[in-house]
Amino acid sequence: MLRGDSAFYSADVIGACRERDARFSITAKMDPKIKAAIAGIDESGWTPIKYPNAVFDDQAGGWISDAETAEVDYTAFTSKKGQAVTARLIVRRVRRLNEQARRGQDELFSAHRYHAIFTDSPYALVQAEEQHRDHAMMEQVNVDLIDGPLAHLPSGKFTANAAWLTCAAITHNLPRAFGCLAGAFHARARGATLRRHPIIVPARLARHGRGHLILHLPQHWRWQQAWLNAFDAVHHPPPAHVA
């Protein structure tokens, strides 16, 4: 299954997928043709979705727990001779959370935000839309990796780069786990934010006695509570001193 943004894929790429019996699922740009196709969907064609856990909607700018989906046949690349592709246009809509936008700020749809995908997925409507959204998680992982340990690969040897990739995955997963323990904000933060806030700490390490280390954190540090949340989650409480 080929998933991604429409900016990166052309009629040639989709044609190659079909020739090789591969499926595609591409985020559709909200151009006038897509908007016209969405406007033609009858109200009775929308299927409600109730998410077990709230999901963050970038366009709506907040967490949502329900939405509606619908689909219609759509033909893309009609301007390219012999390259027109007809497939499913699957649309998810959520209630607009921005009250100012409801007053009519230069958008065709005033009550909802719409997300469209162009796909030939064989799965049912709700499942096909959910599977497409899953790719966004992987795209974010790729962004974080490229912004960090995968900014370069160190060698021309495949085995060395394979080992580097394994280490890169570990260094990605550890901060992500740390962020989830630190709190709600850092659970959603980018890798660079995690490194900058609670991980790269201007602290001082002091030794008291044999093998007794104390980490002195800075006073009035903004991310102190997030750091302590993660620390307390992975350490047992100190033993009680008996007089």
C-alpha atoms as a PDB file:
ATOM      1  CA  MET A   1       0.000   0.000   0.000  1.00  0.00           C
ATOM      2  CA  LEU A   2       1.388   3.382  -1.069  1.00  0.00           C
ATOM      3  CA  ARG A   3       0.405   6.140   1.371  1.00  0.00           C
ATOM      4  CA  GLY A   4       1.318   9.791   1.403  1.00  0.00           C
ATOM      5  CA  ASP A   5       0.574  13.355   0.409  1.00  0.00           C
ATOM      6  CA  SER A   6      -0.655  14.261  -3.062  1.00  0.00           C
ATOM      7  CA  ALA A   7       2.222  16.714  -3.521  1.00  0.00           C
ATOM      8  CA  PHE A   8       4.635  13.805  -3.883  1.00  0.00           C
ATOM      9  CA  TYR A   9       2.702  11.553  -6.254  1.00  0.00           C
ATOM     10  CA  SER A  10       1.693  11.826  -9.886  1.00  0.00           C
ATOM     11  CA  ALA A  11      -0.477   9.963 -12.357  1.00  0.00           C
ATOM     12  CA  ASP A  12       2.631   8.024 -13.414  1.00  0.00           C
ATOM     13  CA  VAL A  13       3.246   6.774  -9.868  1.00  0.00           C
ATOM     14  CA  ILE A  14      -0.379   5.713  -9.392  1.00  0.00           C
ATOM     15  CA  GLY A  15      -0.352   4.068 -12.819  1.00  0.00           C
ATOM     16  CA  ALA A  16       2.758   2.117 -11.825  1.00  0.00           C
ATOM     17  CA  CYS A  17       1.002   0.972  -8.647  1.00  0.00           C
ATOM     18  CA  ARG A  18      -1.934  -0.368 -10.609  1.00  0.00           C
ATOM     19  CA  GLU A  19       0.290  -2.130 -13.121  1.00  0.00           C
ATOM     20  CA  ARG A  20       1.992  -3.973 -10.253  1.00  0.00           C
ATOM     21  CA  ASP A  21      -1.229  -4.708  -8.367  1.00  0.00           C
ATOM     22  CA  ALA A  22      -0.294  -2.337  -5.518  1.00  0.00           C
ATOM     23  CA  ARG A  23      -2.823  -0.163  -3.695  1.00  0.00           C
ATOM     24  CA  PHE A  24      -2.532   3.574  -3.084  1.00  0.00           C
ATOM     25  CA  SER A  25      -3.951   5.995  -0.515  1.00  0.00           C
ATOM     26  CA  ILE A  26      -3.075   9.662  -1.003  1.00  0.00           C
ATOM     27  CA  THR A  27      -4.148  12.798   0.832  1.00  0.00           C
ATOM     28  CA  ALA A  28      -6.138  14.878  -1.647  1.00  0.00           C
ATOM     29  CA  LYS A  29      -5.424  18.582  -1.996  1.00  0.00           C
ATOM     30  CA  MET A  30      -8.535  20.638  -1.306  1.00  0.00           C
ATOM     31  CA  ASP A  31      -8.726  22.215  -4.761  1.00  0.00           C
ATOM     32  CA  PRO A  32     -11.996  23.389  -6.395  1.00  0.00           C
ATOM     33  CA  LYS A  33     -12.668  19.968  -7.991  1.00  0.00           C
ATOM     34  CA  ILE A  34     -12.295  18.153  -4.672  1.00  0.00           C
ATOM     35  CA  LYS A  35     -14.471  20.722  -2.909  1.00  0.00           C
ATOM     36  CA  ALA A  36     -17.144  20.360  -5.594  1.00  0.00           C
ATOM     37  CA  ALA A  37     -17.110  16.571  -5.205  1.00  0.00           C
ATOM     38  CA  ILE A  38     -17.490  16.905  -1.423  1.00  0.00           C
ATOM     39  CA  ALA A  39     -20.308  19.438  -1.778  1.00  0.00           C
ATOM     40  CA  GLY A  40     -22.177  16.895  -3.900  1.00  0.00           C
ATOM     41  CA  ILE A  41     -22.277  14.295  -1.103  1.00  0.00           C
ATOM     42  CA  ASP A  42     -25.808  13.944   0.267  1.00  0.00           C
ATOM     43  CA  GLU A  43     -26.233  14.413   4.024  1.00  0.00           C
ATOM     44  CA  SER A  44     -27.604  10.888   4.291  1.00  0.00           C
ATOM     45  CA  GLY A  45     -24.289   9.552   2.956  1.00  0.00           C
ATOM     46  CA  TRP A  46     -22.273  10.490   6.051  1.00  0.00           C
ATOM     47  CA  THR A  47     -21.402   7.723   8.522  1.00  0.00           C
ATOM     48  CA  PRO A  48     -20.666   8.717  12.160  1.00  0.00           C
ATOM     49  CA  ILE A  49     -17.394   7.577  13.753  1.00  0.00           C
ATOM     50  CA  LYS A  50     -16.887   7.394  17.501  1.00  0.00           C
ATOM     51  CA  TYR A  51     -13.209   7.171  18.444  1.00  0.00           C
ATOM     52  CA  PRO A  52     -12.413   4.962  21.489  1.00  0.00           C
ATOM     53  CA  ASN A  53      -9.657   7.472  22.323  1.00  0.00           C
ATOM     54  CA  ALA A  54      -9.624  11.107  21.267  1.00  0.00           C
ATOM     55  CA  VAL A  55      -7.368  11.898  18.308  1.00  0.00           C
ATOM     56  CA  PHE A  56      -5.669  15.223  17.583  1.00  0.00           C
ATOM     57  CA  ASP A  57      -6.923  17.021  14.490  1.00  0.00           C
ATOM     58  CA  ASP A  58      -4.295  19.414  13.087  1.00  0.00           C
ATOM     59  CA  GLN A  59      -6.708  21.481  10.989  1.00  0.00           C
ATOM     60  CA  ALA A  60      -9.341  21.733  13.695  1.00  0.00           C
ATOM     61  CA  GLY A  61      -6.624  22.588  16.199  1.00  0.00           C
ATOM     62  CA  GLY A  62      -7.778  20.298  18.994  1.00  0.00           C
ATOM     63  CA  TRP A  63      -8.685  16.841  20.192  1.00  0.00           C
ATOM     64  CA  ILE A  64     -11.765  15.201  18.720  1.00  0.00           C
ATOM     65  CA  SER A  65     -13.682  12.125  19.828  1.00  0.00           C
ATOM     66  CA  ASP A  66     -16.091  11.804  16.908  1.00  0.00           C
ATOM     67  CA  ALA A  67     -16.327  12.582  13.214  1.00  0.00           C
ATOM     68  CA  GLU A  68     -18.226  11.549  10.074  1.00  0.00           C
ATOM     69  CA  THR A  69     -17.026   9.869   6.892  1.00  0.00           C
ATOM     70  CA  ALA A  70     -18.429   9.489   3.397  1.00  0.00           C
ATOM     71  CA  GLU A  71     -17.165   8.484  -0.014  1.00  0.00           C
ATOM     72  CA  VAL A  72     -17.838   9.159  -3.663  1.00  0.00           C
ATOM     73  CA  ASP A  73     -16.290   8.036  -6.946  1.00  0.00           C
ATOM     74  CA  TYR A  74     -13.743  10.526  -8.221  1.00  0.00           C
ATOM     75  CA  THR A  75     -11.652  10.757 -11.394  1.00  0.00           C
ATOM     76  CA  ALA A  76      -8.259  12.405 -11.033  1.00  0.00           C
ATOM     77  CA  PHE A  77      -5.709  13.573 -13.630  1.00  0.00           C
ATOM     78  CA  THR A  78      -8.398  14.252 -16.240  1.00  0.00           C
ATOM     79  CA  SER A  79      -6.171  16.899 -17.822  1.00  0.00           C
ATOM     80  CA  LYS A  80      -3.515  14.285 -18.631  1.00  0.00           C
ATOM     81  CA  LYS A  81      -4.340  12.402 -21.800  1.00  0.00           C
ATOM     82  CA  GLY A  82      -4.700   8.677 -21.178  1.00  0.00           C
ATOM     83  CA  GLN A  83      -3.754   9.002 -17.493  1.00  0.00           C
ATOM     84  CA  ALA A  84      -7.128   9.609 -15.834  1.00  0.00           C
ATOM     85  CA  VAL A  85      -7.637   7.468 -12.728  1.00  0.00           C
ATOM     86  CA  THR A  86     -11.023   6.732 -11.167  1.00  0.00           C
ATOM     87  CA  ALA A  87     -11.039   5.572  -7.543  1.00  0.00           C
ATOM     88  CA  ARG A  88     -12.631   6.314  -4.190  1.00  0.00           C
ATOM     89  CA  LEU A  89     -12.647   9.790  -2.678  1.00  0.00           C
ATOM     90  CA  ILE A  90     -13.034   9.162   1.042  1.00  0.00           C
ATOM     91  CA  VAL A  91     -13.811  12.208   3.153  1.00  0.00           C
ATOM     92  CA  ARG A  92     -13.719  12.705   6.910  1.00  0.00           C
ATOM     93  CA  ARG A  93     -15.354  15.765   8.421  1.00  0.00           C
ATOM     94  CA  VAL A  94     -15.204  17.120  11.948  1.00  0.00           C
ATOM     95  CA  ARG A  95     -17.048  19.947  13.619  1.00  0.00           C
ATOM     96  CA  ARG A  96     -15.175  23.219  13.404  1.00  0.00           C
ATOM     97  CA  LEU A  97     -13.796  24.245  16.792  1.00  0.00           C
ATOM     98  CA  ASN A  98     -12.775  27.762  15.773  1.00  0.00           C
ATOM     99  CA  GLU A  99     -15.704  30.044  16.531  1.00  0.00           C
ATOM    100  CA  GLN A 100     -14.268  32.932  14.505  1.00  0.00           C
ATOM    101  CA  ALA A 101     -14.134  30.776  11.386  1.00  0.00           C
ATOM    102  CA  ARG A 102     -17.836  30.041  11.772  1.00  0.00           C
ATOM    103  CA  ARG A 103     -18.529  33.691  11.061  1.00  0.00           C
ATOM    104  CA  GLY A 104     -17.410  33.200   7.475  1.00  0.00           C
ATOM    105  CA  GLN A 105     -13.688  33.603   6.948  1.00  0.00           C
ATOM    106  CA  ASP A 106     -13.087  32.773   3.314  1.00  0.00           C
ATOM    107  CA  GLU A 107     -13.846  29.039   3.302  1.00  0.00           C
ATOM    108  CA  LEU A 108     -16.379  27.040   1.340  1.00  0.00           C
ATOM    109  CA  PHE A 109     -17.461  24.938   4.316  1.00  0.00           C
ATOM    110  CA  SER A 110     -18.411  26.944   7.388  1.00  0.00           C
ATOM    111  CA  ALA A 111     -19.568  24.234   9.818  1.00  0.00           C
ATOM    112  CA  HIS A 112     -16.962  21.488   9.321  1.00  0.00           C
ATOM    113  CA  ARG A 113     -13.386  20.843   8.414  1.00  0.00           C
ATOM    114  CA  TYR A 114     -12.890  18.256   5.680  1.00  0.00           C
ATOM    115  CA  HIS A 115     -10.038  15.815   5.077  1.00  0.00           C
ATOM    116  CA  ALA A 116     -10.106  13.919   1.774  1.00  0.00           C
ATOM    117  CA  ILE A 117      -8.097  10.946   0.542  1.00  0.00           C
ATOM    118  CA  PHE A 118      -7.943   9.446  -2.929  1.00  0.00           C
ATOM    119  CA  THR A 119      -7.578   5.684  -2.720  1.00  0.00           C
ATOM    120  CA  ASP A 120      -8.320   2.328  -4.272  1.00  0.00           C
ATOM    121  CA  SER A 121      -8.265   0.590  -0.891  1.00  0.00           C
ATOM    122  CA  PRO A 122     -10.434  -2.558  -0.889  1.00  0.00           C
ATOM    123  CA  TYR A 123     -11.429  -2.093   2.749  1.00  0.00           C
ATOM    124  CA  ALA A 124     -14.690  -0.775   4.158  1.00  0.00           C
ATOM    125  CA  LEU A 125     -15.131   2.976   4.431  1.00  0.00           C
ATOM    126  CA  VAL A 126     -14.251   3.488   8.104  1.00  0.00           C
ATOM    127  CA  GLN A 127     -11.337   1.032   8.016  1.00  0.00           C
ATOM    128  CA  ALA A 128      -9.843   2.538   4.851  1.00  0.00           C
ATOM    129  CA  GLU A 129      -9.941   6.041   6.340  1.00  0.00           C
ATOM    130  CA  GLU A 130      -8.417   4.846   9.614  1.00  0.00           C
ATOM    131  CA  GLN A 131      -5.592   3.024   7.863  1.00  0.00           C
ATOM    132  CA  HIS A 132      -4.721   6.137   5.889  1.00  0.00           C
ATOM    133  CA  ARG A 133      -4.517   8.251   9.044  1.00  0.00           C
ATOM    134  CA  ASP A 134      -2.053   5.739  10.488  1.00  0.00           C
ATOM    135  CA  HIS A 135       0.551   6.828   7.913  1.00  0.00           C
ATOM    136  CA  ALA A 136       0.706  10.276   9.497  1.00  0.00           C
ATOM    137  CA  MET A 137       2.217   8.715  12.624  1.00  0.00           C
ATOM    138  CA  MET A 138       4.982   7.137  10.586  1.00  0.00           C
ATOM    139  CA  GLU A 139       5.610  10.393   8.729  1.00  0.00           C
ATOM    140  CA  GLN A 140       6.138  12.129  12.071  1.00  0.00           C
ATOM    141  CA  VAL A 141       8.559   9.409  13.136  1.00  0.00           C
ATOM    142  CA  ASN A 142      10.520   9.934   9.913  1.00  0.00           C
ATOM    143  CA  VAL A 143      10.653  13.695  10.534  1.00  0.00           C
ATOM    144  CA  ASP A 144      11.980  13.165  14.058  1.00  0.00           C
ATOM    145  CA  LEU A 145      14.579  10.649  12.905  1.00  0.00           C
ATOM    146  CA  ILE A 146      15.816  12.873  10.078  1.00  0.00           C
ATOM    147  CA  ASP A 147      15.964  15.809  12.505  1.00  0.00           C
ATOM    148  CA  GLY A 148      18.102  13.688  14.836  1.00  0.00           C
ATOM    149  CA  PRO A 149      20.192  10.542  14.437  1.00  0.00           C
ATOM    150  CA  LEU A 150      19.314   9.985  10.774  1.00  0.00           C
ATOM    151  CA  ALA A 151      20.435  13.450   9.706  1.00  0.00           C
ATOM    152  CA  HIS A 152      23.246  11.491   8.086  1.00  0.00           C
ATOM    153  CA  LEU A 153      24.358   7.885   7.740  1.00  0.00           C
ATOM    154  CA  PRO A 154      27.987   7.451   8.698  1.00  0.00           C
ATOM    155  CA  SER A 155      29.286   4.902   6.231  1.00  0.00           C
ATOM    156  CA  GLY A 156      29.217   3.579   2.714  1.00  0.00           C
ATOM    157  CA  LYS A 157      28.886   0.059   4.113  1.00  0.00           C
ATOM    158  CA  PHE A 158      25.399  -1.411   4.375  1.00  0.00           C
ATOM    159  CA  THR A 159      26.067  -3.285   7.635  1.00  0.00           C
ATOM    160  CA  ALA A 160      27.418  -0.180   9.373  1.00  0.00           C
ATOM    161  CA  ASN A 161      24.371   1.833   8.348  1.00  0.00           C
ATOM    162  CA  ALA A 162      22.089  -1.013   9.460  1.00  0.00           C
ATOM    163  CA  ALA A 163      23.666  -0.891  12.929  1.00  0.00           C
ATOM    164  CA  TRP A 164      23.338   2.911  12.952  1.00  0.00           C
ATOM    165  CA  LEU A 165      19.647   2.615  12.027  1.00  0.00           C
ATOM    166  CA  THR A 166      19.069   0.208  14.926  1.00  0.00           C
ATOM    167  CA  CYS A 167      20.714   2.632  17.338  1.00  0.00           C
ATOM    168  CA  ALA A 168      18.685   5.489  15.833  1.00  0.00           C
ATOM    169  CA  ALA A 169      15.451   3.594  16.503  1.00  0.00           C
ATOM    170  CA  ILE A 170      16.491   3.040  20.117  1.00  0.00           C
ATOM    171  CA  THR A 171      17.364   6.705  20.607  1.00  0.00           C
ATOM    172  CA  HIS A 172      13.982   7.631  19.145  1.00  0.00           C
ATOM    173  CA  ASN A 173      11.958   5.244  21.290  1.00  0.00           C
ATOM    174  CA  LEU A 174      13.602   6.139  24.603  1.00  0.00           C
ATOM    175  CA  PRO A 175      12.744   9.870  24.477  1.00  0.00           C
ATOM    176  CA  ARG A 176       9.231   9.034  23.270  1.00  0.00           C
ATOM    177  CA  ALA A 177       8.745   6.781  26.298  1.00  0.00           C
ATOM    178  CA  PHE A 178      10.244   9.492  28.512  1.00  0.00           C
ATOM    179  CA  GLY A 179       7.801  12.040  27.075  1.00  0.00           C
ATOM    180  CA  CYS A 180       4.794   9.816  27.797  1.00  0.00           C
ATOM    181  CA  LEU A 181       5.911   9.504  31.425  1.00  0.00           C
ATOM    182  CA  ALA A 182       6.681  13.220  31.735  1.00  0.00           C
ATOM    183  CA  GLY A 183       3.164  14.413  30.980  1.00  0.00           C
ATOM    184  CA  ALA A 184       0.519  15.178  28.358  1.00  0.00           C
ATOM    185  CA  PHE A 185       2.460  18.005  26.679  1.00  0.00           C
ATOM    186  CA  HIS A 186       5.665  16.035  26.188  1.00  0.00           C
ATOM    187  CA  ALA A 187       3.780  12.906  25.173  1.00  0.00           C
ATOM    188  CA  ARG A 188       2.890  14.737  21.925  1.00  0.00           C
ATOM    189  CA  ALA A 189       6.071  16.809  21.569  1.00  0.00           C
ATOM    190  CA  ARG A 190       8.546  16.527  18.706  1.00  0.00           C
ATOM    191  CA  GLY A 191      11.860  14.807  19.337  1.00  0.00           C
ATOM    192  CA  ALA A 192      13.750  18.115  19.233  1.00  0.00           C
ATOM    193  CA  THR A 193      11.415  19.544  21.899  1.00  0.00           C
ATOM    194  CA  LEU A 194      11.948  16.516  24.128  1.00  0.00           C
ATOM    195  CA  ARG A 195      15.703  16.891  23.868  1.00  0.00           C
ATOM    196  CA  ARG A 196      15.566  20.636  24.521  1.00  0.00           C
ATOM    197  CA  HIS A 197      13.166  20.587  27.491  1.00  0.00           C
ATOM    198  CA  PRO A 198      13.524  17.719  29.978  1.00  0.00           C
ATOM    199  CA  ILE A 199      16.529  15.788  28.576  1.00  0.00           C
ATOM    200  CA  ILE A 200      19.311  18.339  28.001  1.00  0.00           C
ATOM    201  CA  VAL A 201      19.351  19.485  31.631  1.00  0.00           C
ATOM    202  CA  PRO A 202      21.800  22.100  32.982  1.00  0.00           C
ATOM    203  CA  ALA A 203      22.312  20.016  36.121  1.00  0.00           C
ATOM    204  CA  ARG A 204      25.323  19.310  38.363  1.00  0.00           C
ATOM    205  CA  LEU A 205      26.416  15.849  39.441  1.00  0.00           C
ATOM    206  CA  ALA A 206      27.947  15.601  42.922  1.00  0.00           C
ATOM    207  CA  ARG A 207      29.482  12.618  44.700  1.00  0.00           C
ATOM    208  CA  HIS A 208      28.878  12.071  48.413  1.00  0.00           C
ATOM    209  CA  GLY A 209      30.593   9.103  49.897  1.00  0.00           C
ATOM    210  CA  ARG A 210      31.438   5.935  48.044  1.00  0.00           C
ATOM    211  CA  GLY A 211      29.128   5.386  45.086  1.00  0.00           C
ATOM    212  CA  HIS A 212      26.567   7.937  46.293  1.00  0.00           C
ATOM    213  CA  LEU A 213      25.712  10.366  43.474  1.00  0.00           C
ATOM    214  CA  ILE A 214      23.381  13.349  43.725  1.00  0.00           C
ATOM    215  CA  LEU A 215      21.994  15.176  40.700  1.00  0.00           C
ATOM    216  CA  HIS A 216      21.407  18.846  41.487  1.00  0.00           C
ATOM    217  CA  LEU A 217      18.756  20.221  39.138  1.00  0.00           C
ATOM    218  CA  PRO A 218      18.529  23.981  38.480  1.00  0.00           C
ATOM    219  CA  GLN A 219      16.262  26.041  40.684  1.00  0.00           C
ATOM    220  CA  HIS A 220      13.013  27.426  39.238  1.00  0.00           C
ATOM    221  CA  TRP A 221      13.438  25.181  36.211  1.00  0.00           C
ATOM    222  CA  ARG A 222      10.342  25.249  34.010  1.00  0.00           C
ATOM    223  CA  TRP A 223      10.401  21.534  33.210  1.00  0.00           C
ATOM    224  CA  GLN A 224      11.169  20.307  36.720  1.00  0.00           C
ATOM    225  CA  GLN A 225       7.780  18.680  37.270  1.00  0.00           C
ATOM    226  CA  ALA A 226       7.878  16.892  33.901  1.00  0.00           C
ATOM    227  CA  TRP A 227      11.341  15.530  34.720  1.00  0.00           C
ATOM    228  CA  LEU A 228      10.211  14.418  38.186  1.00  0.00           C
ATOM    229  CA  ASN A 229       7.101  12.737  36.726  1.00  0.00           C
ATOM    230  CA  ALA A 230       9.289  10.547  34.519  1.00  0.00           C
ATOM    231  CA  PHE A 231      11.857   9.957  37.279  1.00  0.00           C
ATOM    232  CA  ASP A 232       9.245   8.907  39.843  1.00  0.00           C
ATOM    233  CA  ALA A 233       7.553   6.591  37.320  1.00  0.00           C
ATOM    234  CA  VAL A 234      10.679   4.475  36.782  1.00  0.00           C
ATOM    235  CA  HIS A 235      12.216   4.558  40.288  1.00  0.00           C
ATOM    236  CA  HIS A 236      11.047   3.007  43.498  1.00  0.00           C
ATOM    237  CA  PRO A 237      10.488   5.459  46.345  1.00  0.00           C
ATOM    238  CA  PRO A 238      13.502   5.823  48.640  1.00  0.00           C
ATOM    239  CA  PRO A 239      13.548   3.439  51.604  1.00  0.00           C
ATOM    240  CA  ALA A 240      12.139   4.797  54.852  1.00  0.00           C
ATOM    241  CA  HIS A 241      14.765   5.619  57.469  1.00  0.00           C
ATOM    242  CA  VAL A 242      14.129   3.950  60.789  1.00  0.00           C
ATOM    243  CA  ALA A 243      15.287   5.905  63.785  1.00  0.00           C
END
